[in-house]
């Protein structure tokens, strides 16, 4: 049992690292495509794609550059910030709370059933 939990822990860490690296590569590639499209649309002030390593930073810098040129473009950044806050809240509060509630329900059914 100890061996399985140790392997599971290492595999979980490996999975987290793989997902993080994959998401970062995708974010940078999407940012490169976004910058190409902005250039095609004639925007002079563009953001460096490497900022997409931190997507919220990239979107705010991109929005600021677009806003200074056309007075539009911050909606995407604000929407992204709301999504990031929601995901962080879910990861930090909702998921642990649901796990705790599930454990309490399991214990209560064990108590009453036997």
PDB file of N, CA and C in Angstrom:
ATOM      1  N   UNK A   1       0.827  -1.198   0.000  1.00  0.00           N
ATOM      2  CA  UNK A   1       0.000   0.000   0.000  1.00  0.00           C
ATOM      3  C   UNK A   1       0.865   1.253   0.000  1.00  0.00           C
ATOM      4  N   UNK A   2       1.940   1.245   0.787  1.00  0.00           N
ATOM      5  CA  UNK A   2       2.836   2.408   0.856  1.00  0.00           C
ATOM      6  C   UNK A   2       3.499   2.640  -0.497  1.00  0.00           C
ATOM      7  N   UNK A   3       3.889   1.545  -1.163  1.00  0.00           N
ATOM      8  CA  UNK A   3       4.533   1.665  -2.483  1.00  0.00           C
ATOM      9  C   UNK A   3       3.571   2.292  -3.483  1.00  0.00           C
ATOM     10  N   UNK A   4       2.311   1.856  -3.476  1.00  0.00           N
ATOM     11  CA  UNK A   4       1.331   2.411  -4.403  1.00  0.00           C
ATOM     12  C   UNK A   4       1.078   3.892  -4.141  1.00  0.00           C
ATOM     13  N   UNK A   5       0.990   4.282  -2.880  1.00  0.00           N
ATOM     14  CA  UNK A   5       0.748   5.695  -2.592  1.00  0.00           C
ATOM     15  C   UNK A   5       1.960   6.536  -2.970  1.00  0.00           C
ATOM     16  N   UNK A   6       3.173   6.003  -2.807  1.00  0.00           N
ATOM     17  CA  UNK A   6       4.371   6.754  -3.195  1.00  0.00           C
ATOM     18  C   UNK A   6       4.436   6.912  -4.703  1.00  0.00           C
ATOM     19  N   UNK A   7       4.147   5.838  -5.438  1.00  0.00           N
ATOM     20  CA  UNK A   7       4.141   5.919  -6.906  1.00  0.00           C
ATOM     21  C   UNK A   7       3.033   6.854  -7.362  1.00  0.00           C
ATOM     22  N   UNK A   8       1.876   6.766  -6.741  1.00  0.00           N
ATOM     23  CA  UNK A   8       0.764   7.645  -7.100  1.00  0.00           C
ATOM     24  C   UNK A   8       1.115   9.099  -6.880  1.00  0.00           C
ATOM     25  N   UNK A   9       1.819   9.393  -5.783  1.00  0.00           N
ATOM     26  CA  UNK A   9       2.227  10.770  -5.517  1.00  0.00           C
ATOM     27  C   UNK A   9       3.202  11.277  -6.558  1.00  0.00           C
ATOM     28  N   UNK A  10       4.159  10.434  -6.946  1.00  0.00           N
ATOM     29  CA  UNK A  10       5.125  10.834  -7.966  1.00  0.00           C
ATOM     30  C   UNK A  10       4.454  11.001  -9.321  1.00  0.00           C
ATOM     31  N   UNK A  11       3.521  10.106  -9.649  1.00  0.00           N
ATOM     32  CA  UNK A  11       2.799  10.227 -10.913  1.00  0.00           C
ATOM     33  C   UNK A  11       1.916  11.468 -10.920  1.00  0.00           C
ATOM     34  N   UNK A  12       1.338  11.798  -9.780  1.00  0.00           N
ATOM     35  CA  UNK A  12       0.506  13.005  -9.701  1.00  0.00           C
ATOM     36  C   UNK A  12       1.352  14.243  -9.931  1.00  0.00           C
ATOM     37  N   UNK A  13       2.545  14.288  -9.342  1.00  0.00           N
ATOM     38  CA  UNK A  13       3.442  15.432  -9.542  1.00  0.00           C
ATOM     39  C   UNK A  13       3.863  15.508 -11.010  1.00  0.00           C
ATOM     40  N   UNK A  14       4.180  14.368 -11.604  1.00  0.00           N
ATOM     41  CA  UNK A  14       4.560  14.334 -13.012  1.00  0.00           C
ATOM     42  C   UNK A  14       3.408  14.821 -13.895  1.00  0.00           C
ATOM     43  N   UNK A  15       2.189  14.409 -13.572  1.00  0.00           N
ATOM     44  CA  UNK A  15       1.021  14.851 -14.342  1.00  0.00           C
ATOM     45  C   UNK A  15       0.823  16.355 -14.225  1.00  0.00           C
ATOM     46  N   UNK A  16       0.990  16.899 -13.026  1.00  0.00           N
ATOM     47  CA  UNK A  16       0.844  18.346 -12.831  1.00  0.00           C
ATOM     48  C   UNK A  16       1.895  19.097 -13.638  1.00  0.00           C
ATOM     49  N   UNK A  17       3.125  18.626 -13.609  1.00  0.00           N
ATOM     50  CA  UNK A  17       4.201  19.277 -14.369  1.00  0.00           C
ATOM     51  C   UNK A  17       3.905  19.198 -15.864  1.00  0.00           C
ATOM     52  N   UNK A  18       3.470  18.034 -16.342  1.00  0.00           N
ATOM     53  CA  UNK A  18       3.174  17.869 -17.773  1.00  0.00           C
ATOM     54  C   UNK A  18       2.037  18.785 -18.215  1.00  0.00           C
ATOM     55  N   UNK A  19       0.981  18.876 -17.416  1.00  0.00           N
ATOM     56  CA  UNK A  19      -0.142  19.746 -17.765  1.00  0.00           C
ATOM     57  C   UNK A  19       0.292  21.212 -17.747  1.00  0.00           C
ATOM     58  N   UNK A  20       1.100  21.592 -16.770  1.00  0.00           N
ATOM     59  CA  UNK A  20       1.570  22.976 -16.679  1.00  0.00           C
ATOM     60  C   UNK A  20       2.439  23.343 -17.879  1.00  0.00           C
ATOM     61  N   UNK A  21       3.373  22.478 -18.224  1.00  0.00           N
ATOM     62  CA  UNK A  21       4.241  22.743 -19.378  1.00  0.00           C
ATOM     63  C   UNK A  21       3.415  22.783 -20.661  1.00  0.00           C
ATOM     64  N   UNK A  22       2.500  21.847 -20.828  1.00  0.00           N
ATOM     65  CA  UNK A  22       1.654  21.830 -22.021  1.00  0.00           C
ATOM     66  C   UNK A  22       0.792  23.075 -22.139  1.00  0.00           C
ATOM     67  N   UNK A  23       0.194  23.497 -21.026  1.00  0.00           N
ATOM     68  CA  UNK A  23      -0.641  24.706 -21.050  1.00  0.00           C
ATOM     69  C   UNK A  23       0.192  25.945 -21.354  1.00  0.00           C
ATOM     70  N   UNK A  24       1.408  25.999 -20.833  1.00  0.00           N
ATOM     71  CA  UNK A  24       2.283  27.142 -21.089  1.00  0.00           C
ATOM     72  C   UNK A  24       2.678  27.208 -22.553  1.00  0.00           C
ATOM     73  N   UNK A  25       3.033  26.065 -23.129  1.00  0.00           N
ATOM     74  CA  UNK A  25       3.393  26.033 -24.550  1.00  0.00           C
ATOM     75  C   UNK A  25       2.197  26.458 -25.411  1.00  0.00           C
ATOM     76  N   UNK A  26       1.011  25.949 -25.093  1.00  0.00           N
ATOM     77  CA  UNK A  26      -0.185  26.345 -25.832  1.00  0.00           C
ATOM     78  C   UNK A  26      -0.462  27.840 -25.701  1.00  0.00           C
ATOM     79  N   UNK A  27      -0.314  28.391 -24.496  1.00  0.00           N
ATOM     80  CA  UNK A  27      -0.565  29.817 -24.283  1.00  0.00           C
ATOM     81  C   UNK A  27       0.382  30.671 -25.111  1.00  0.00           C
ATOM     82  N   UNK A  28       1.654  30.294 -25.161  1.00  0.00           N
ATOM     83  CA  UNK A  28       2.631  31.058 -25.949  1.00  0.00           C
ATOM     84  C   UNK A  28       2.315  30.939 -27.441  1.00  0.00           C
ATOM     85  N   UNK A  29       1.941  29.754 -27.900  1.00  0.00           N
ATOM     86  CA  UNK A  29       1.603  29.588 -29.315  1.00  0.00           C
ATOM     87  C   UNK A  29       0.354  30.389 -29.687  1.00  0.00           C
ATOM     88  N   UNK A  30      -0.660  30.370 -28.812  1.00  0.00           N
ATOM     89  CA  UNK A  30      -1.854  31.178 -29.060  1.00  0.00           C
ATOM     90  C   UNK A  30      -1.506  32.663 -29.085  1.00  0.00           C
ATOM     91  N   UNK A  31      -0.598  33.084 -28.213  1.00  0.00           N
ATOM     92  CA  UNK A  31      -0.177  34.486 -28.184  1.00  0.00           C
ATOM     93  C   UNK A  31       0.556  34.855 -29.474  1.00  0.00           C
ATOM     94  N   UNK A  32       1.374  33.949 -29.977  1.00  0.00           N
ATOM     95  CA  UNK A  32       2.063  34.222 -31.254  1.00  0.00           C
ATOM     96  C   UNK A  32       1.049  34.389 -32.379  1.00  0.00           C
ATOM     97  N   UNK A  33       0.046  33.523 -32.413  1.00  0.00           N
ATOM     98  CA  UNK A  33      -1.019  33.653 -33.417  1.00  0.00           C
ATOM     99  C   UNK A  33      -1.797  34.944 -33.255  1.00  0.00           C
ATOM    100  N   UNK A  34      -2.050  35.322 -32.016  1.00  0.00           N
ATOM    101  CA  UNK A  34      -2.754  36.567 -31.726  1.00  0.00           C
ATOM    102  C   UNK A  34      -1.946  37.762 -32.224  1.00  0.00           C
ATOM    103  N   UNK A  35      -0.647  37.741 -31.991  1.00  0.00           N
ATOM    104  CA  UNK A  35       0.203  38.847 -32.435  1.00  0.00           C
ATOM    105  C   UNK A  35       0.255  38.920 -33.959  1.00  0.00           C
ATOM    106  N   UNK A  36       0.271  37.784 -34.620  1.00  0.00           N
ATOM    107  CA  UNK A  36       0.244  37.762 -36.084  1.00  0.00           C
ATOM    108  C   UNK A  36      -1.058  38.376 -36.595  1.00  0.00           C
ATOM    109  N   UNK A  37      -2.154  38.000 -35.961  1.00  0.00           N
ATOM    110  CA  UNK A  37      -3.467  38.542 -36.373  1.00  0.00           C
ATOM    111  C   UNK A  37      -3.539  40.039 -36.107  1.00  0.00           C
ATOM    112  N   UNK A  38      -3.025  40.500 -34.981  1.00  0.00           N
ATOM    113  CA  UNK A  38      -3.012  41.938 -34.697  1.00  0.00           C
ATOM    114  C   UNK A  38      -2.184  42.688 -35.740  1.00  0.00           C
ATOM    115  N   UNK A  39      -1.070  42.102 -36.155  1.00  0.00           N
ATOM    116  CA  UNK A  39      -0.239  42.737 -37.190  1.00  0.00           C
ATOM    117  C   UNK A  39      -1.006  42.803 -38.508  1.00  0.00           C
ATOM    118  N   UNK A  40      -1.746  41.737 -38.845  1.00  0.00           N
ATOM    119  CA  UNK A  40      -2.546  41.741 -40.071  1.00  0.00           C
ATOM    120  C   UNK A  40      -3.627  42.805 -40.034  1.00  0.00           C
ATOM    121  N   UNK A  41      -4.157  43.083 -38.834  1.00  0.00           N
ATOM    122  CA  UNK A  41      -5.201  44.103 -38.688  1.00  0.00           C
ATOM    123  C   UNK A  41      -4.630  45.516 -38.624  1.00  0.00           C
ATOM    124  N   UNK A  42      -3.306  45.631 -38.612  1.00  0.00           N
ATOM    125  CA  UNK A  42      -2.683  46.945 -38.668  1.00  0.00           C
ATOM    126  C   UNK A  42      -2.338  47.570 -37.329  1.00  0.00           C
ATOM    127  N   UNK A  43      -2.360  46.798 -36.258  1.00  0.00           N
ATOM    128  CA  UNK A  43      -1.967  47.331 -34.953  1.00  0.00           C
ATOM    129  C   UNK A  43      -0.451  47.462 -34.887  1.00  0.00           C
ATOM    130  N   UNK A  44      -0.001  48.644 -34.536  1.00  0.00           N
ATOM    131  CA  UNK A  44       1.449  48.873 -34.460  1.00  0.00           C
ATOM    132  C   UNK A  44       2.014  48.406 -33.123  1.00  0.00           C
ATOM    133  N   UNK A  45       1.327  48.720 -32.039  1.00  0.00           N
ATOM    134  CA  UNK A  45       1.819  48.354 -30.704  1.00  0.00           C
ATOM    135  C   UNK A  45       1.341  46.947 -30.376  1.00  0.00           C
ATOM    136  N   UNK A  46       2.276  46.015 -30.300  1.00  0.00           N
ATOM    137  CA  UNK A  46       1.937  44.637 -29.981  1.00  0.00           C
ATOM    138  C   UNK A  46       2.758  44.174 -28.782  1.00  0.00           C
ATOM    139  N   UNK A  47       2.317  43.100 -28.173  1.00  0.00           N
ATOM    140  CA  UNK A  47       2.929  42.539 -26.973  1.00  0.00           C
ATOM    141  C   UNK A  47       3.849  41.395 -27.367  1.00  0.00           C
ATOM    142  N   UNK A  48       4.831  41.124 -26.541  1.00  0.00           N
ATOM    143  CA  UNK A  48       5.711  39.980 -26.776  1.00  0.00           C
ATOM    144  C   UNK A  48       4.986  38.692 -26.379  1.00  0.00           C
ATOM    145  N   UNK A  49       5.012  37.665 -27.220  1.00  0.00           N
ATOM    146  CA  UNK A  49       4.298  36.420 -26.907  1.00  0.00           C
ATOM    147  C   UNK A  49       4.794  35.719 -25.646  1.00  0.00           C
ATOM    148  N   UNK A  50       6.057  35.925 -25.241  1.00  0.00           N
ATOM    149  CA  UNK A  50       6.553  35.238 -24.047  1.00  0.00           C
ATOM    150  C   UNK A  50       5.814  35.667 -22.786  1.00  0.00           C
ATOM    151  N   UNK A  51       5.133  36.807 -22.827  1.00  0.00           N
ATOM    152  CA  UNK A  51       4.330  37.218 -21.665  1.00  0.00           C
ATOM    153  C   UNK A  51       3.158  36.272 -21.422  1.00  0.00           C
ATOM    154  N   UNK A  52       2.830  35.440 -22.412  1.00  0.00           N
ATOM    155  CA  UNK A  52       1.721  34.496 -22.262  1.00  0.00           C
ATOM    156  C   UNK A  52       2.035  33.399 -21.254  1.00  0.00           C
ATOM    157  N   UNK A  53       3.285  33.340 -20.775  1.00  0.00           N
ATOM    158  CA  UNK A  53       3.607  32.418 -19.683  1.00  0.00           C
ATOM    159  C   UNK A  53       2.722  32.748 -18.483  1.00  0.00           C
ATOM    160  N   UNK A  54       2.413  34.024 -18.325  1.00  0.00           N
ATOM    161  CA  UNK A  54       1.423  34.490 -17.345  1.00  0.00           C
ATOM    162  C   UNK A  54       0.267  35.084 -18.132  1.00  0.00           C
ATOM    163  N   UNK A  55      -0.743  34.272 -18.473  1.00  0.00           N
ATOM    164  CA  UNK A  55      -1.787  34.720 -19.399  1.00  0.00           C
ATOM    165  C   UNK A  55      -2.500  36.014 -19.002  1.00  0.00           C
ATOM    166  N   UNK A  56      -2.751  36.219 -17.721  1.00  0.00           N
ATOM    167  CA  UNK A  56      -3.441  37.440 -17.313  1.00  0.00           C
ATOM    168  C   UNK A  56      -2.573  38.663 -17.602  1.00  0.00           C
ATOM    169  N   UNK A  57      -1.264  38.555 -17.356  1.00  0.00           N
ATOM    170  CA  UNK A  57      -0.352  39.665 -17.658  1.00  0.00           C
ATOM    171  C   UNK A  57      -0.370  39.944 -19.156  1.00  0.00           C
ATOM    172  N   UNK A  58      -0.274  38.885 -19.962  1.00  0.00           N
ATOM    173  CA  UNK A  58      -0.295  39.057 -21.418  1.00  0.00           C
ATOM    174  C   UNK A  58      -1.567  39.782 -21.858  1.00  0.00           C
ATOM    175  N   UNK A  59      -2.730  39.324 -21.345  1.00  0.00           N
ATOM    176  CA  UNK A  59      -3.982  39.917 -21.783  1.00  0.00           C
ATOM    177  C   UNK A  59      -4.117  41.373 -21.349  1.00  0.00           C
ATOM    178  N   UNK A  60      -3.628  41.710 -20.161  1.00  0.00           N
ATOM    179  CA  UNK A  60      -3.700  43.109 -19.745  1.00  0.00           C
ATOM    180  C   UNK A  60      -2.764  43.994 -20.563  1.00  0.00           C
ATOM    181  N   UNK A  61      -1.556  43.520 -20.853  1.00  0.00           N
ATOM    182  CA  UNK A  61      -0.633  44.303 -21.679  1.00  0.00           C
ATOM    183  C   UNK A  61      -1.193  44.425 -23.091  1.00  0.00           C
ATOM    184  N   UNK A  62      -1.707  43.322 -23.629  1.00  0.00           N
ATOM    185  CA  UNK A  62      -2.324  43.360 -24.960  1.00  0.00           C
ATOM    186  C   UNK A  62      -3.502  44.316 -24.978  1.00  0.00           C
ATOM    187  N   UNK A  63      -4.352  44.227 -23.970  1.00  0.00           N
ATOM    188  CA  UNK A  63      -5.511  45.120 -23.889  1.00  0.00           C
ATOM    189  C   UNK A  63      -5.102  46.574 -23.779  1.00  0.00           C
ATOM    190  N   UNK A  64      -4.053  46.829 -23.016  1.00  0.00           N
ATOM    191  CA  UNK A  64      -3.578  48.212 -22.865  1.00  0.00           C
ATOM    192  C   UNK A  64      -3.077  48.757 -24.204  1.00  0.00           C
ATOM    193  N   UNK A  65      -2.295  47.939 -24.922  1.00  0.00           N
ATOM    194  CA  UNK A  65      -1.792  48.387 -26.229  1.00  0.00           C
ATOM    195  C   UNK A  65      -2.946  48.629 -27.204  1.00  0.00           C
ATOM    196  N   UNK A  66      -3.915  47.723 -27.238  1.00  0.00           N
ATOM    197  CA  UNK A  66      -5.056  47.897 -28.134  1.00  0.00           C
ATOM    198  C   UNK A  66      -5.898  49.093 -27.705  1.00  0.00           C
ATOM    199  N   UNK A  67      -6.021  49.297 -26.404  1.00  0.00           N
ATOM    200  CA  UNK A  67      -6.814  50.410 -25.897  1.00  0.00           C
ATOM    201  C   UNK A  67      -6.185  51.752 -26.265  1.00  0.00           C
ATOM    202  N   UNK A  68      -4.855  51.842 -26.178  1.00  0.00           N
ATOM    203  CA  UNK A  68      -4.203  53.109 -26.518  1.00  0.00           C
ATOM    204  C   UNK A  68      -4.321  53.417 -28.006  1.00  0.00           C
ATOM    205  N   UNK A  69      -4.483  52.398 -28.840  1.00  0.00           N
ATOM    206  CA  UNK A  69      -4.636  52.635 -30.281  1.00  0.00           C
ATOM    207  C   UNK A  69      -6.078  52.869 -30.690  1.00  0.00           C
ATOM    208  N   UNK A  70      -6.999  52.081 -30.155  1.00  0.00           N
ATOM    209  CA  UNK A  70      -8.382  52.127 -30.647  1.00  0.00           C
ATOM    210  C   UNK A  70      -9.410  52.369 -29.547  1.00  0.00           C
ATOM    211  N   UNK A  71      -8.985  52.503 -28.303  1.00  0.00           N
ATOM    212  CA  UNK A  71      -9.868  52.675 -27.150  1.00  0.00           C
ATOM    213  C   UNK A  71     -10.806  51.489 -26.958  1.00  0.00           C
ATOM    214  N   UNK A  72     -10.390  50.318 -27.435  1.00  0.00           N
ATOM    215  CA  UNK A  72     -11.107  49.067 -27.212  1.00  0.00           C
ATOM    216  C   UNK A  72     -10.081  47.999 -26.867  1.00  0.00           C
ATOM    217  N   UNK A  73     -10.512  46.923 -26.267  1.00  0.00           N
ATOM    218  CA  UNK A  73      -9.605  45.810 -26.074  1.00  0.00           C
ATOM    219  C   UNK A  73      -9.428  45.347 -24.643  1.00  0.00           C
ATOM    220  N   UNK A  74      -9.964  46.050 -23.661  1.00  0.00           N
ATOM    221  CA  UNK A  74      -9.765  45.622 -22.275  1.00  0.00           C
ATOM    222  C   UNK A  74     -10.798  44.599 -21.813  1.00  0.00           C
ATOM    223  N   UNK A  75     -11.880  44.409 -22.560  1.00  0.00           N
ATOM    224  CA  UNK A  75     -12.899  43.441 -22.133  1.00  0.00           C
ATOM    225  C   UNK A  75     -12.331  42.036 -22.000  1.00  0.00           C
ATOM    226  N   UNK A  76     -11.474  41.639 -22.928  1.00  0.00           N
ATOM    227  CA  UNK A  76     -10.883  40.298 -22.888  1.00  0.00           C
ATOM    228  C   UNK A  76     -10.039  40.134 -21.633  1.00  0.00           C
ATOM    229  N   UNK A  77      -9.279  41.163 -21.272  1.00  0.00           N
ATOM    230  CA  UNK A  77      -8.426  41.081 -20.089  1.00  0.00           C
ATOM    231  C   UNK A  77      -9.257  40.973 -18.819  1.00  0.00           C
ATOM    232  N   UNK A  78     -10.303  41.785 -18.710  1.00  0.00           N
ATOM    233  CA  UNK A  78     -11.138  41.728 -17.506  1.00  0.00           C
ATOM    234  C   UNK A  78     -11.872  40.398 -17.410  1.00  0.00           C
ATOM    235  N   UNK A  79     -12.368  39.891 -18.534  1.00  0.00           N
ATOM    236  CA  UNK A  79     -13.050  38.592 -18.526  1.00  0.00           C
ATOM    237  C   UNK A  79     -12.079  37.490 -18.112  1.00  0.00           C
ATOM    238  N   UNK A  80     -10.847  37.559 -18.605  1.00  0.00           N
ATOM    239  CA  UNK A  80      -9.839  36.571 -18.222  1.00  0.00           C
ATOM    240  C   UNK A  80      -9.543  36.644 -16.734  1.00  0.00           C
ATOM    241  N   UNK A  81      -9.447  37.839 -16.198  1.00  0.00           N
ATOM    242  CA  UNK A  81      -9.178  37.990 -14.771  1.00  0.00           C
ATOM    243  C   UNK A  81     -10.301  37.375 -13.934  1.00  0.00           C
ATOM    244  N   UNK A  82     -11.533  37.577 -14.350  1.00  0.00           N
ATOM    245  CA  UNK A  82     -12.666  36.992 -13.627  1.00  0.00           C
ATOM    246  C   UNK A  82     -12.597  35.462 -13.678  1.00  0.00           C
ATOM    247  N   UNK A  83     -12.248  34.907 -14.834  1.00  0.00           N
ATOM    248  CA  UNK A  83     -12.136  33.449 -14.961  1.00  0.00           C
ATOM    249  C   UNK A  83     -11.013  32.920 -14.073  1.00  0.00           C
ATOM    250  N   UNK A  84      -9.850  33.603 -14.078  1.00  0.00           N
ATOM    251  CA  UNK A  84      -8.724  33.158 -13.254  1.00  0.00           C
ATOM    252  C   UNK A  84      -9.091  33.214 -11.770  1.00  0.00           C
ATOM    253  N   UNK A  85      -9.751  34.280 -11.349  1.00  0.00           N
ATOM    254  CA  UNK A  85     -10.178  34.388  -9.944  1.00  0.00           C
ATOM    255  C   UNK A  85     -11.156  33.260  -9.613  1.00  0.00           C
ATOM    256  N   UNK A  86     -12.075  32.976 -10.517  1.00  0.00           N
ATOM    257  CA  UNK A  86     -13.036  31.896 -10.283  1.00  0.00           C
ATOM    258  C   UNK A  86     -12.375  30.533 -10.181  1.00  0.00           C
ATOM    259  N   UNK A  87     -11.417  30.268 -11.063  1.00  0.00           N
ATOM    260  CA  UNK A  87     -10.712  28.983 -11.032  1.00  0.00           C
ATOM    261  C   UNK A  87      -9.881  28.859  -9.761  1.00  0.00           C
ATOM    262  N   UNK A  88      -9.197  29.937  -9.384  1.00  0.00           N
ATOM    263  CA  UNK A  88      -8.401  29.903  -8.150  1.00  0.00           C
ATOM    264  C   UNK A  88      -9.294  29.695  -6.930  1.00  0.00           C
ATOM    265  N   UNK A  89     -10.449  30.353  -6.914  1.00  0.00           N
ATOM    266  CA  UNK A  89     -11.395  30.177  -5.810  1.00  0.00           C
ATOM    267  C   UNK A  89     -11.867  28.726  -5.753  1.00  0.00           C
ATOM    268  N   UNK A  90     -12.182  28.171  -6.912  1.00  0.00           N
ATOM    269  CA  UNK A  90     -12.640  26.780  -6.939  1.00  0.00           C
ATOM    270  C   UNK A  90     -11.551  25.840  -6.461  1.00  0.00           C
ATOM    271  N   UNK A  91     -10.318  26.085  -6.892  1.00  0.00           N
ATOM    272  CA  UNK A  91      -9.218  25.208  -6.493  1.00  0.00           C
ATOM    273  C   UNK A  91      -8.899  25.345  -5.012  1.00  0.00           C
ATOM    274  N   UNK A  92      -8.996  26.552  -4.476  1.00  0.00           N
ATOM    275  CA  UNK A  92      -8.594  26.785  -3.089  1.00  0.00           C
ATOM    276  C   UNK A  92      -9.718  26.545  -2.084  1.00  0.00           C
ATOM    277  N   UNK A  93     -10.974  26.746  -2.485  1.00  0.00           N
ATOM    278  CA  UNK A  93     -12.066  26.688  -1.514  1.00  0.00           C
ATOM    279  C   UNK A  93     -13.084  25.599  -1.844  1.00  0.00           C
ATOM    280  N   UNK A  94     -13.614  25.610  -3.044  1.00  0.00           N
ATOM    281  CA  UNK A  94     -14.733  24.730  -3.376  1.00  0.00           C
ATOM    282  C   UNK A  94     -14.309  23.262  -3.389  1.00  0.00           C
ATOM    283  N   UNK A  95     -13.222  22.929  -4.061  1.00  0.00           N
ATOM    284  CA  UNK A  95     -12.803  21.529  -4.158  1.00  0.00           C
ATOM    285  C   UNK A  95     -12.449  20.942  -2.791  1.00  0.00           C
ATOM    286  N   UNK A  96     -11.626  21.635  -1.959  1.00  0.00           N
ATOM    287  CA  UNK A  96     -11.394  21.081  -0.617  1.00  0.00           C
ATOM    288  C   UNK A  96     -12.667  20.976   0.218  1.00  0.00           C
ATOM    289  N   UNK A  97     -13.573  21.948   0.077  1.00  0.00           N
ATOM    290  CA  UNK A  97     -14.826  21.894   0.837  1.00  0.00           C
ATOM    291  C   UNK A  97     -15.663  20.699   0.407  1.00  0.00           C
ATOM    292  N   UNK A  98     -15.739  20.440  -0.896  1.00  0.00           N
ATOM    293  CA  UNK A  98     -16.505  19.286  -1.374  1.00  0.00           C
ATOM    294  C   UNK A  98     -15.871  17.980  -0.909  1.00  0.00           C
ATOM    295  N   UNK A  99     -14.558  17.943  -0.875  1.00  0.00           N
ATOM    296  CA  UNK A  99     -13.864  16.749  -0.383  1.00  0.00           C
ATOM    297  C   UNK A  99     -14.194  16.515   1.087  1.00  0.00           C
ATOM    298  N   UNK A 100     -14.173  17.577   1.874  1.00  0.00           N
ATOM    299  CA  UNK A 100     -14.496  17.473   3.299  1.00  0.00           C
ATOM    300  C   UNK A 100     -15.938  17.044   3.502  1.00  0.00           C
ATOM    301  N   UNK A 101     -16.850  17.633   2.755  1.00  0.00           N
ATOM    302  CA  UNK A 101     -18.265  17.264   2.872  1.00  0.00           C
ATOM    303  C   UNK A 101     -18.463  15.804   2.478  1.00  0.00           C
ATOM    304  N   UNK A 102     -17.797  15.358   1.417  1.00  0.00           N
ATOM    305  CA  UNK A 102     -17.892  13.960   1.009  1.00  0.00           C
ATOM    306  C   UNK A 102     -17.387  13.014   2.078  1.00  0.00           C
ATOM    307  N   UNK A 103     -16.279  13.385   2.703  1.00  0.00           N
ATOM    308  CA  UNK A 103     -15.733  12.560   3.785  1.00  0.00           C
ATOM    309  C   UNK A 103     -16.687  12.510   4.979  1.00  0.00           C
ATOM    310  N   UNK A 104     -17.282  13.643   5.330  1.00  0.00           N
ATOM    311  CA  UNK A 104     -18.240  13.673   6.434  1.00  0.00           C
ATOM    312  C   UNK A 104     -19.470  12.822   6.119  1.00  0.00           C
ATOM    313  N   UNK A 105     -19.951  12.897   4.883  1.00  0.00           N
ATOM    314  CA  UNK A 105     -21.094  12.069   4.494  1.00  0.00           C
ATOM    315  C   UNK A 105     -20.747  10.584   4.542  1.00  0.00           C
ATOM    316  N   UNK A 106     -19.547  10.231   4.101  1.00  0.00           N
ATOM    317  CA  UNK A 106     -19.118   8.837   4.139  1.00  0.00           C
ATOM    318  C   UNK A 106     -19.058   8.343   5.580  1.00  0.00           C
ATOM    319  N   UNK A 107     -18.501   9.156   6.468  1.00  0.00           N
ATOM    320  CA  UNK A 107     -18.408   8.776   7.875  1.00  0.00           C
ATOM    321  C   UNK A 107     -19.782   8.634   8.501  1.00  0.00           C
ATOM    322  N   UNK A 108     -20.701   9.544   8.150  1.00  0.00           N
ATOM    323  CA  UNK A 108     -22.037   9.473   8.744  1.00  0.00           C
ATOM    324  C   UNK A 108     -22.792   8.241   8.252  1.00  0.00           C
ATOM    325  N   UNK A 109     -22.621   7.854   6.992  1.00  0.00           N
ATOM    326  CA  UNK A 109     -23.306   6.646   6.521  1.00  0.00           C
ATOM    327  C   UNK A 109     -22.703   5.389   7.142  1.00  0.00           C
ATOM    328  N   UNK A 110     -21.393   5.390   7.396  1.00  0.00           N
ATOM    329  CA  UNK A 110     -20.759   4.268   8.080  1.00  0.00           C
ATOM    330  C   UNK A 110     -21.262   4.166   9.526  1.00  0.00           C
ATOM    331  N   UNK A 111     -21.419   5.317  10.159  1.00  0.00           N
ATOM    332  CA  UNK A 111     -21.867   5.335  11.560  1.00  0.00           C
ATOM    333  C   UNK A 111     -23.276   4.795  11.687  1.00  0.00           C
ATOM    334  N   UNK A 112     -24.171   5.219  10.774  1.00  0.00           N
ATOM    335  CA  UNK A 112     -25.550   4.795  10.865  1.00  0.00           C
ATOM    336  C   UNK A 112     -25.810   3.407  10.306  1.00  0.00           C
ATOM    337  N   UNK A 113     -24.922   2.938   9.436  1.00  0.00           N
ATOM    338  CA  UNK A 113     -25.158   1.612   8.848  1.00  0.00           C
ATOM    339  C   UNK A 113     -24.529   0.491   9.675  1.00  0.00           C
ATOM    340  N   UNK A 114     -23.629   0.823  10.545  1.00  0.00           N
ATOM    341  CA  UNK A 114     -23.061  -0.318  11.229  1.00  0.00           C
ATOM    342  C   UNK A 114     -22.418   0.027  12.455  1.00  0.00           C
TER     343      UNK A 114
END
